[in-house]
Amino acid sequence: GRREVGAEALRRVLARRGASKVSSRRTTMLVHPEAASVLVGRMLG
């Protein structure tokens, strides 16, 4: 629903507060399902 979509957009931007670079590292990468579509889509090319 529209109210759910608006609330989720707000939740996402509020979660961005304090975002910054962290130190370079080799680590596990977890990928949110919405972001995974881009990663898999490029491979399909």
All heavy atoms as atom14 arrays in JSON, in Angstrom:
{
  "sequence": "GRREVGAEALRRVLARRGASKVSSRRTTMLVHPEAASVLVGRMLG",
  "atom14_mask": [
    [1, 1, 1, 1, 0, 0, 0, 0, 0, 0, 0, 0, 0, 0],
    [1, 1, 1, 1, 1, 1, 1, 1, 1, 1, 1, 0, 0, 0],
    [1, 1, 1, 1, 1, 1, 1, 1, 1, 1, 1, 0, 0, 0],
    [1, 1, 1, 1, 1, 1, 1, 1, 1, 0, 0, 0, 0, 0],
    [1, 1, 1, 1, 1, 1, 1, 0, 0, 0, 0, 0, 0, 0],
    [1, 1, 1, 1, 0, 0, 0, 0, 0, 0, 0, 0, 0, 0],
    [1, 1, 1, 1, 1, 0, 0, 0, 0, 0, 0, 0, 0, 0],
    [1, 1, 1, 1, 1, 1, 1, 1, 1, 0, 0, 0, 0, 0],
    [1, 1, 1, 1, 1, 0, 0, 0, 0, 0, 0, 0, 0, 0],
    [1, 1, 1, 1, 1, 1, 1, 1, 0, 0, 0, 0, 0, 0],
    [1, 1, 1, 1, 1, 1, 1, 1, 1, 1, 1, 0, 0, 0],
    [1, 1, 1, 1, 1, 1, 1, 1, 1, 1, 1, 0, 0, 0],
    [1, 1, 1, 1, 1, 1, 1, 0, 0, 0, 0, 0, 0, 0],
    [1, 1, 1, 1, 1, 1, 1, 1, 0, 0, 0, 0, 0, 0],
    [1, 1, 1, 1, 1, 0, 0, 0, 0, 0, 0, 0, 0, 0],
    [1, 1, 1, 1, 1, 1, 1, 1, 1, 1, 1, 0, 0, 0],
    [1, 1, 1, 1, 1, 1, 1, 1, 1, 1, 1, 0, 0, 0],
    [1, 1, 1, 1, 0, 0, 0, 0, 0, 0, 0, 0, 0, 0],
    [1, 1, 1, 1, 1, 0, 0, 0, 0, 0, 0, 0, 0, 0],
    [1, 1, 1, 1, 1, 1, 0, 0, 0, 0, 0, 0, 0, 0],
    [1, 1, 1, 1, 1, 1, 1, 1, 1, 0, 0, 0, 0, 0],
    [1, 1, 1, 1, 1, 1, 1, 0, 0, 0, 0, 0, 0, 0],
    [1, 1, 1, 1, 1, 1, 0, 0, 0, 0, 0, 0, 0, 0],
    [1, 1, 1, 1, 1, 1, 0, 0, 0, 0, 0, 0, 0, 0],
    [1, 1, 1, 1, 1, 1, 1, 1, 1, 1, 1, 0, 0, 0],
    [1, 1, 1, 1, 1, 1, 1, 1, 1, 1, 1, 0, 0, 0],
    [1, 1, 1, 1, 1, 1, 1, 0, 0, 0, 0, 0, 0, 0],
    [1, 1, 1, 1, 1, 1, 1, 0, 0, 0, 0, 0, 0, 0],
    [1, 1, 1, 1, 1, 1, 1, 1, 0, 0, 0, 0, 0, 0],
    [1, 1, 1, 1, 1, 1, 1, 1, 0, 0, 0, 0, 0, 0],
    [1, 1, 1, 1, 1, 1, 1, 0, 0, 0, 0, 0, 0, 0],
    [1, 1, 1, 1, 1, 1, 1, 1, 1, 1, 0, 0, 0, 0],
    [1, 1, 1, 1, 1, 1, 1, 0, 0, 0, 0, 0, 0, 0],
    [1, 1, 1, 1, 1, 1, 1, 1, 1, 0, 0, 0, 0, 0],
    [1, 1, 1, 1, 1, 0, 0, 0, 0, 0, 0, 0, 0, 0],
    [1, 1, 1, 1, 1, 0, 0, 0, 0, 0, 0, 0, 0, 0],
    [1, 1, 1, 1, 1, 1, 0, 0, 0, 0, 0, 0, 0, 0],
    [1, 1, 1, 1, 1, 1, 1, 0, 0, 0, 0, 0, 0, 0],
    [1, 1, 1, 1, 1, 1, 1, 1, 0, 0, 0, 0, 0, 0],
    [1, 1, 1, 1, 1, 1, 1, 0, 0, 0, 0, 0, 0, 0],
    [1, 1, 1, 1, 0, 0, 0, 0, 0, 0, 0, 0, 0, 0],
    [1, 1, 1, 1, 1, 1, 1, 1, 1, 1, 1, 0, 0, 0],
    [1, 1, 1, 1, 1, 1, 1, 1, 0, 0, 0, 0, 0, 0],
    [1, 1, 1, 1, 1, 1, 1, 1, 0, 0, 0, 0, 0, 0],
    [1, 1, 1, 1, 0, 0, 0, 0, 0, 0, 0, 0, 0, 0]
  ],
  "atom14_positions": [
    [[0.81, -1.21, 0.0], [0.0, 0.0, 0.0], [0.85, 1.26, 0.0], [2.04, 1.23, 0.32], [0.0, 0.0, 0.0], [0.0, 0.0, 0.0], [0.0, 0.0, 0.0], [0.0, 0.0, 0.0], [0.0, 0.0, 0.0], [0.0, 0.0, 0.0], [0.0, 0.0, 0.0], [0.0, 0.0, 0.0], [0.0, 0.0, 0.0], [0.0, 0.0, 0.0]],
    [[0.23, 2.38, -0.36], [0.97, 3.64, -0.46], [1.56, 4.06, 0.87], [2.71, 4.52, 0.95], [0.07, 4.76, -1.01], [-0.07, 4.76, -2.52], [-1.0, 3.67, -2.97], [-2.35, 3.87, -2.43], [-3.29, 2.91, -2.41], [-3.02, 1.7, -2.83], [-4.49, 3.16, -1.92], [0.0, 0.0, 0.0], [0.0, 0.0, 0.0], [0.0, 0.0, 0.0]],
    [[0.83, 3.9, 1.95], [1.35, 4.29, 3.25], [2.57, 3.43, 3.62], [3.54, 3.93, 4.19], [0.25, 4.16, 4.31], [-0.91, 5.13, 4.1], [-2.05, 4.86, 5.07], [-1.67, 5.12, 6.45], [-1.65, 6.33, 7.02], [-2.0, 7.39, 6.3], [-1.32, 6.48, 8.28], [0.0, 0.0, 0.0], [0.0, 0.0, 0.0], [0.0, 0.0, 0.0]],
    [[2.52, 2.17, 3.28], [3.65, 1.28, 3.55], [4.87, 1.69, 2.73], [6.0, 1.69, 3.24], [3.26, -0.16, 3.23], [4.37, -1.17, 3.48], [3.97, -2.57, 3.09], [2.77, -2.82, 2.85], [4.87, -3.44, 3.03], [0.0, 0.0, 0.0], [0.0, 0.0, 0.0], [0.0, 0.0, 0.0], [0.0, 0.0, 0.0], [0.0, 0.0, 0.0]],
    [[4.65, 2.04, 1.47], [5.76, 2.44, 0.61], [6.4, 3.73, 1.11], [7.62, 3.86, 1.18], [5.29, 2.59, -0.85], [6.39, 3.2, -1.72], [4.88, 1.23, -1.41], [0.0, 0.0, 0.0], [0.0, 0.0, 0.0], [0.0, 0.0, 0.0], [0.0, 0.0, 0.0], [0.0, 0.0, 0.0], [0.0, 0.0, 0.0], [0.0, 0.0, 0.0]],
    [[5.56, 4.71, 1.46], [6.1, 5.96, 1.98], [6.87, 5.77, 3.27], [7.95, 6.34, 3.46], [0.0, 0.0, 0.0], [0.0, 0.0, 0.0], [0.0, 0.0, 0.0], [0.0, 0.0, 0.0], [0.0, 0.0, 0.0], [0.0, 0.0, 0.0], [0.0, 0.0, 0.0], [0.0, 0.0, 0.0], [0.0, 0.0, 0.0], [0.0, 0.0, 0.0]],
    [[6.34, 4.93, 4.16], [7.02, 4.67, 5.44], [8.35, 3.95, 5.22], [9.34, 4.22, 5.91], [6.11, 3.84, 6.35], [0.0, 0.0, 0.0], [0.0, 0.0, 0.0], [0.0, 0.0, 0.0], [0.0, 0.0, 0.0], [0.0, 0.0, 0.0], [0.0, 0.0, 0.0], [0.0, 0.0, 0.0], [0.0, 0.0, 0.0], [0.0, 0.0, 0.0]],
    [[8.38, 3.02, 4.27], [9.62, 2.28, 4.0], [10.69, 3.2, 3.4], [11.87, 3.09, 3.73], [9.34, 1.1, 3.07], [10.58, 0.34, 2.62], [11.35, -0.31, 3.75], [10.82, -0.42, 4.88], [12.5, -0.73, 3.51], [0.0, 0.0, 0.0], [0.0, 0.0, 0.0], [0.0, 0.0, 0.0], [0.0, 0.0, 0.0], [0.0, 0.0, 0.0]],
    [[10.28, 4.11, 2.52], [11.24, 5.06, 1.96], [11.86, 5.91, 3.06], [13.07, 6.17, 3.07], [10.56, 5.94, 0.91], [0.0, 0.0, 0.0], [0.0, 0.0, 0.0], [0.0, 0.0, 0.0], [0.0, 0.0, 0.0], [0.0, 0.0, 0.0], [0.0, 0.0, 0.0], [0.0, 0.0, 0.0], [0.0, 0.0, 0.0], [0.0, 0.0, 0.0]],
    [[11.03, 6.33, 4.02], [11.56, 7.12, 5.15], [12.49, 6.27, 6.01], [13.56, 6.74, 6.41], [10.4, 7.65, 5.99], [10.79, 8.43, 7.24], [11.62, 9.66, 6.89], [9.53, 8.82, 8.04], [0.0, 0.0, 0.0], [0.0, 0.0, 0.0], [0.0, 0.0, 0.0], [0.0, 0.0, 0.0], [0.0, 0.0, 0.0], [0.0, 0.0, 0.0]],
    [[12.1, 5.05, 6.3], [12.96, 4.17, 7.11], [14.33, 4.0, 6.45], [15.37, 4.05, 7.12], [12.31, 2.81, 7.28], [13.06, 1.88, 8.23], [12.71, 0.43, 8.0], [13.16, -0.04, 6.7], [14.43, -0.37, 6.42], [15.37, -0.23, 7.34], [14.75, -0.8, 5.22], [0.0, 0.0, 0.0], [0.0, 0.0, 0.0], [0.0, 0.0, 0.0]],
    [[14.33, 3.86, 5.15], [15.6, 3.64, 4.44], [16.51, 4.86, 4.52], [17.72, 4.72, 4.72], [15.33, 3.26, 2.98], [14.65, 1.91, 2.82], [14.5, 1.51, 1.37], [13.85, 0.2, 1.25], [13.91, -0.57, 0.18], [14.57, -0.15, -0.89], [13.3, -1.73, 0.16], [0.0, 0.0, 0.0], [0.0, 0.0, 0.0], [0.0, 0.0, 0.0]],
    [[15.94, 6.03, 4.34], [16.81, 7.2, 4.37], [17.28, 7.5, 5.79], [18.42, 7.93, 6.0], [16.11, 8.43, 3.74], [14.98, 8.96, 4.62], [17.12, 9.54, 3.46], [0.0, 0.0, 0.0], [0.0, 0.0, 0.0], [0.0, 0.0, 0.0], [0.0, 0.0, 0.0], [0.0, 0.0, 0.0], [0.0, 0.0, 0.0], [0.0, 0.0, 0.0]],
    [[16.44, 7.25, 6.79], [16.88, 7.46, 8.17], [18.01, 6.5, 8.54], [18.89, 6.84, 9.34], [15.7, 7.27, 9.13], [14.59, 8.33, 9.05], [13.45, 7.97, 10.0], [15.14, 9.72, 9.35], [0.0, 0.0, 0.0], [0.0, 0.0, 0.0], [0.0, 0.0, 0.0], [0.0, 0.0, 0.0], [0.0, 0.0, 0.0], [0.0, 0.0, 0.0]],
    [[18.01, 5.32, 7.92], [19.09, 4.36, 8.18], [20.4, 4.8, 7.56], [21.47, 4.24, 7.88], [18.7, 2.99, 7.63], [0.0, 0.0, 0.0], [0.0, 0.0, 0.0], [0.0, 0.0, 0.0], [0.0, 0.0, 0.0], [0.0, 0.0, 0.0], [0.0, 0.0, 0.0], [0.0, 0.0, 0.0], [0.0, 0.0, 0.0], [0.0, 0.0, 0.0]],
    [[20.36, 5.83, 6.67], [21.58, 6.32, 6.03], [22.31, 7.35, 6.91], [23.44, 7.74, 6.59], [21.24, 7.0, 4.69], [20.49, 6.16, 3.69], [21.27, 4.91, 3.27], [22.65, 5.22, 2.98], [23.67, 4.38, 3.2], [23.45, 3.21, 3.76], [24.9, 4.72, 2.89], [0.0, 0.0, 0.0], [0.0, 0.0, 0.0], [0.0, 0.0, 0.0]],
    [[21.7, 7.79, 7.98], [22.34, 8.81, 8.82], [23.65, 8.27, 9.39], [23.71, 7.15, 9.9], [21.4, 9.23, 9.96], [20.22, 10.05, 9.47], [19.36, 10.55, 10.61], [18.69, 9.46, 11.32], [17.68, 9.62, 12.16], [17.21, 10.86, 12.38], [17.12, 8.6, 12.77], [0.0, 0.0, 0.0], [0.0, 0.0, 0.0], [0.0, 0.0, 0.0]],
    [[24.67, 9.11, 9.29], [25.98, 8.72, 9.8], [26.78, 7.85, 8.86], [27.83, 7.32, 9.24], [0.0, 0.0, 0.0], [0.0, 0.0, 0.0], [0.0, 0.0, 0.0], [0.0, 0.0, 0.0], [0.0, 0.0, 0.0], [0.0, 0.0, 0.0], [0.0, 0.0, 0.0], [0.0, 0.0, 0.0], [0.0, 0.0, 0.0], [0.0, 0.0, 0.0]],
    [[26.33, 7.69, 7.6], [27.05, 6.84, 6.65], [28.43, 7.42, 6.35], [28.61, 8.64, 6.21], [26.26, 6.71, 5.36], [0.0, 0.0, 0.0], [0.0, 0.0, 0.0], [0.0, 0.0, 0.0], [0.0, 0.0, 0.0], [0.0, 0.0, 0.0], [0.0, 0.0, 0.0], [0.0, 0.0, 0.0], [0.0, 0.0, 0.0], [0.0, 0.0, 0.0]],
    [[29.41, 6.56, 6.24], [30.77, 6.99, 5.94], [31.56, 5.84, 5.35], [31.09, 4.7, 5.29], [31.46, 7.47, 7.23], [31.59, 6.37, 8.14], [0.0, 0.0, 0.0], [0.0, 0.0, 0.0], [0.0, 0.0, 0.0], [0.0, 0.0, 0.0], [0.0, 0.0, 0.0], [0.0, 0.0, 0.0], [0.0, 0.0, 0.0], [0.0, 0.0, 0.0]],
    [[32.76, 6.15, 4.89], [33.67, 5.11, 4.43], [34.21, 4.36, 5.64], [34.43, 4.94, 6.7], [34.82, 5.72, 3.64], [34.41, 6.31, 2.3], [35.6, 6.79, 1.5], [36.18, 8.07, 2.09], [37.24, 8.64, 1.24], [0.0, 0.0, 0.0], [0.0, 0.0, 0.0], [0.0, 0.0, 0.0], [0.0, 0.0, 0.0], [0.0, 0.0, 0.0]],
    [[34.4, 3.06, 5.45], [35.09, 2.28, 6.47], [36.4, 1.8, 5.87], [36.66, 1.97, 4.68], [34.24, 1.09, 6.96], [32.96, 1.59, 7.62], [33.9, 0.15, 5.81], [0.0, 0.0, 0.0], [0.0, 0.0, 0.0], [0.0, 0.0, 0.0], [0.0, 0.0, 0.0], [0.0, 0.0, 0.0], [0.0, 0.0, 0.0], [0.0, 0.0, 0.0]],
    [[37.25, 1.22, 6.69], [38.55, 0.79, 6.19], [38.41, -0.28, 5.13], [37.5, -1.11, 5.16], [39.38, 0.26, 7.36], [38.74, -0.86, 7.95], [0.0, 0.0, 0.0], [0.0, 0.0, 0.0], [0.0, 0.0, 0.0], [0.0, 0.0, 0.0], [0.0, 0.0, 0.0], [0.0, 0.0, 0.0], [0.0, 0.0, 0.0], [0.0, 0.0, 0.0]],
    [[39.33, -0.26, 4.17], [39.34, -1.3, 3.13], [39.55, -2.65, 3.78], [40.28, -2.79, 4.76], [40.46, -1.02, 2.12], [40.23, 0.21, 1.47], [0.0, 0.0, 0.0], [0.0, 0.0, 0.0], [0.0, 0.0, 0.0], [0.0, 0.0, 0.0], [0.0, 0.0, 0.0], [0.0, 0.0, 0.0], [0.0, 0.0, 0.0], [0.0, 0.0, 0.0]],
    [[38.91, -3.67, 3.22], [38.99, -4.98, 3.84], [38.59, -6.06, 2.84], [37.92, -5.81, 1.86], [38.06, -5.03, 5.05], [36.58, -4.85, 4.71], [35.72, -4.64, 5.94], [36.03, -3.35, 6.6], [35.52, -2.98, 7.76], [34.68, -3.78, 8.4], [35.83, -1.81, 8.29], [0.0, 0.0, 0.0], [0.0, 0.0, 0.0], [0.0, 0.0, 0.0]],
    [[39.02, -7.28, 3.13], [38.53, -8.45, 2.42], [37.59, -9.17, 3.37], [38.02, -9.64, 4.43], [39.68, -9.36, 2.0], [39.24, -10.61, 1.22], [40.42, -11.47, 0.83], [41.28, -10.77, -0.08], [41.14, -10.74, -1.41], [40.12, -11.39, -1.95], [41.97, -10.08, -2.17], [0.0, 0.0, 0.0], [0.0, 0.0, 0.0], [0.0, 0.0, 0.0]],
    [[36.32, -9.23, 3.01], [35.33, -9.76, 3.95], [34.16, -10.36, 3.19], [34.09, -10.31, 1.95], [34.84, -8.64, 4.89], [34.02, -9.19, 5.9], [34.07, -7.56, 4.13], [0.0, 0.0, 0.0], [0.0, 0.0, 0.0], [0.0, 0.0, 0.0], [0.0, 0.0, 0.0], [0.0, 0.0, 0.0], [0.0, 0.0, 0.0], [0.0, 0.0, 0.0]],
    [[33.23, -10.92, 3.92], [32.01, -11.46, 3.31], [31.15, -10.32, 2.79], [31.03, -9.27, 3.43], [31.21, -12.25, 4.36], [32.02, -13.34, 4.82], [29.92, -12.79, 3.78], [0.0, 0.0, 0.0], [0.0, 0.0, 0.0], [0.0, 0.0, 0.0], [0.0, 0.0, 0.0], [0.0, 0.0, 0.0], [0.0, 0.0, 0.0], [0.0, 0.0, 0.0]],
    [[30.54, -10.52, 1.61], [29.6, -9.55, 1.07], [28.21, -10.18, 1.07], [27.97, -11.19, 0.4], [29.98, -9.13, -0.35], [29.01, -8.11, -0.96], [29.55, -7.43, -2.54], [29.32, -8.84, -3.63], [0.0, 0.0, 0.0], [0.0, 0.0, 0.0], [0.0, 0.0, 0.0], [0.0, 0.0, 0.0], [0.0, 0.0, 0.0], [0.0, 0.0, 0.0]],
    [[27.31, -9.62, 1.84], [25.9, -9.97, 1.78], [25.2, -8.99, 0.85], [25.53, -7.8, 0.85], [25.26, -9.91, 3.16], [25.85, -10.81, 4.25], [25.12, -10.58, 5.57], [25.76, -12.26, 3.85], [0.0, 0.0, 0.0], [0.0, 0.0, 0.0], [0.0, 0.0, 0.0], [0.0, 0.0, 0.0], [0.0, 0.0, 0.0], [0.0, 0.0, 0.0]],
    [[24.26, -9.46, 0.06], [23.59, -8.59, -0.91], [22.08, -8.67, -0.7], [21.5, -9.75, -0.74], [23.94, -9.0, -2.35], [23.32, -8.02, -3.34], [25.45, -9.05, -2.55], [0.0, 0.0, 0.0], [0.0, 0.0, 0.0], [0.0, 0.0, 0.0], [0.0, 0.0, 0.0], [0.0, 0.0, 0.0], [0.0, 0.0, 0.0], [0.0, 0.0, 0.0]],
    [[21.49, -7.51, -0.46], [20.04, -7.43, -0.33], [19.38, -7.94, -1.62], [19.91, -7.7, -2.71], [19.63, -5.97, -0.08], [18.21, -5.79, 0.33], [17.17, -5.86, -0.58], [17.63, -5.54, 1.53], [16.03, -5.66, 0.05], [16.28, -5.46, 1.32], [0.0, 0.0, 0.0], [0.0, 0.0, 0.0], [0.0, 0.0, 0.0], [0.0, 0.0, 0.0]],
    [[18.25, -8.62, -1.53], [17.61, -9.15, -2.74], [17.38, -8.1, -3.84], [17.53, -8.41, -5.02], [16.29, -9.72, -2.22], [16.59, -10.13, -0.83], [17.56, -9.1, -0.3], [0.0, 0.0, 0.0], [0.0, 0.0, 0.0], [0.0, 0.0, 0.0], [0.0, 0.0, 0.0], [0.0, 0.0, 0.0], [0.0, 0.0, 0.0], [0.0, 0.0, 0.0]],
    [[17.0, -6.88, -3.46], [16.78, -5.86, -4.48], [18.07, -5.5, -5.21], [18.07, -5.26, -6.42], [16.17, -4.61, -3.85], [14.75, -4.83, -3.36], [14.16, -3.58, -2.71], [14.71, -2.47, -2.95], [13.19, -3.7, -1.96], [0.0, 0.0, 0.0], [0.0, 0.0, 0.0], [0.0, 0.0, 0.0], [0.0, 0.0, 0.0], [0.0, 0.0, 0.0]],
    [[19.19, -5.46, -4.48], [20.48, -5.17, -5.1], [21.0, -6.36, -5.89], [21.74, -6.21, -6.87], [21.49, -4.75, -4.04], [0.0, 0.0, 0.0], [0.0, 0.0, 0.0], [0.0, 0.0, 0.0], [0.0, 0.0, 0.0], [0.0, 0.0, 0.0], [0.0, 0.0, 0.0], [0.0, 0.0, 0.0], [0.0, 0.0, 0.0], [0.0, 0.0, 0.0]],
    [[20.61, -7.56, -5.48], [21.1, -8.77, -6.16], [20.66, -8.81, -7.61], [21.35, -9.39, -8.46], [20.6, -10.01, -5.42], [0.0, 0.0, 0.0], [0.0, 0.0, 0.0], [0.0, 0.0, 0.0], [0.0, 0.0, 0.0], [0.0, 0.0, 0.0], [0.0, 0.0, 0.0], [0.0, 0.0, 0.0], [0.0, 0.0, 0.0], [0.0, 0.0, 0.0]],
    [[19.51, -8.2, -7.92], [19.03, -8.25, -9.31], [20.03, -7.6, -10.26], [20.21, -8.05, -11.4], [17.67, -7.55, -9.42], [17.78, -6.18, -9.07], [0.0, 0.0, 0.0], [0.0, 0.0, 0.0], [0.0, 0.0, 0.0], [0.0, 0.0, 0.0], [0.0, 0.0, 0.0], [0.0, 0.0, 0.0], [0.0, 0.0, 0.0], [0.0, 0.0, 0.0]],
    [[20.7, -6.54, -9.82], [21.7, -5.88, -10.66], [22.92, -6.78, -10.82], [23.45, -6.96, -11.92], [22.11, -4.53, -10.05], [23.26, -3.91, -10.84], [20.91, -3.59, -10.02], [0.0, 0.0, 0.0], [0.0, 0.0, 0.0], [0.0, 0.0, 0.0], [0.0, 0.0, 0.0], [0.0, 0.0, 0.0], [0.0, 0.0, 0.0], [0.0, 0.0, 0.0]],
    [[23.36, -7.37, -9.73], [24.55, -8.22, -9.77], [24.33, -9.41, -10.7], [25.18, -9.72, -11.54], [24.87, -8.7, -8.35], [26.26, -9.28, -8.1], [27.32, -8.22, -8.3], [26.34, -9.85, -6.69], [0.0, 0.0, 0.0], [0.0, 0.0, 0.0], [0.0, 0.0, 0.0], [0.0, 0.0, 0.0], [0.0, 0.0, 0.0], [0.0, 0.0, 0.0]],
    [[23.19, -10.08, -10.58], [22.89, -11.23, -11.43], [22.61, -10.79, -12.86], [23.04, -11.43, -13.83], [21.7, -12.01, -10.87], [21.29, -13.14, -11.81], [22.04, -12.58, -9.49], [0.0, 0.0, 0.0], [0.0, 0.0, 0.0], [0.0, 0.0, 0.0], [0.0, 0.0, 0.0], [0.0, 0.0, 0.0], [0.0, 0.0, 0.0], [0.0, 0.0, 0.0]],
    [[21.92, -9.66, -13.01], [21.58, -9.18, -14.35], [22.8, -8.88, -15.18], [22.84, -9.18, -16.39], [0.0, 0.0, 0.0], [0.0, 0.0, 0.0], [0.0, 0.0, 0.0], [0.0, 0.0, 0.0], [0.0, 0.0, 0.0], [0.0, 0.0, 0.0], [0.0, 0.0, 0.0], [0.0, 0.0, 0.0], [0.0, 0.0, 0.0], [0.0, 0.0, 0.0]],
    [[23.83, -8.29, -14.58], [25.06, -8.03, -15.33], [25.69, -9.34, -15.79], [26.18, -9.45, -16.91], [26.04, -7.25, -14.45], [25.6, -5.85, -14.07], [25.59, -4.91, -15.27], [25.29, -3.54, -14.86], [26.2, -2.62, -14.59], [27.49, -2.93, -14.66], [25.84, -1.4, -14.24], [0.0, 0.0, 0.0], [0.0, 0.0, 0.0], [0.0, 0.0, 0.0]],
    [[25.69, -10.34, -14.93], [26.27, -11.63, -15.29], [25.54, -12.25, -16.48], [26.16, -12.86, -17.36], [26.22, -12.58, -14.1], [26.87, -13.93, -14.37], [26.43, -15.18, -13.14], [24.76, -15.6, -13.64], [0.0, 0.0, 0.0], [0.0, 0.0, 0.0], [0.0, 0.0, 0.0], [0.0, 0.0, 0.0], [0.0, 0.0, 0.0], [0.0, 0.0, 0.0]],
    [[24.21, -12.1, -16.53], [23.44, -12.69, -17.61], [23.82, -12.13, -18.97], [23.62, -12.78, -19.99], [21.95, -12.48, -17.36], [21.35, -13.23, -16.17], [19.88, -12.88, -16.01], [21.52, -14.73, -16.33], [0.0, 0.0, 0.0], [0.0, 0.0, 0.0], [0.0, 0.0, 0.0], [0.0, 0.0, 0.0], [0.0, 0.0, 0.0], [0.0, 0.0, 0.0]],
    [[24.39, -10.92, -18.98], [24.85, -10.36, -20.25], [25.9, -11.21, -20.92], [26.04, -11.2, -22.15], [0.0, 0.0, 0.0], [0.0, 0.0, 0.0], [0.0, 0.0, 0.0], [0.0, 0.0, 0.0], [0.0, 0.0, 0.0], [0.0, 0.0, 0.0], [0.0, 0.0, 0.0], [0.0, 0.0, 0.0], [0.0, 0.0, 0.0], [0.0, 0.0, 0.0]]
  ]
}
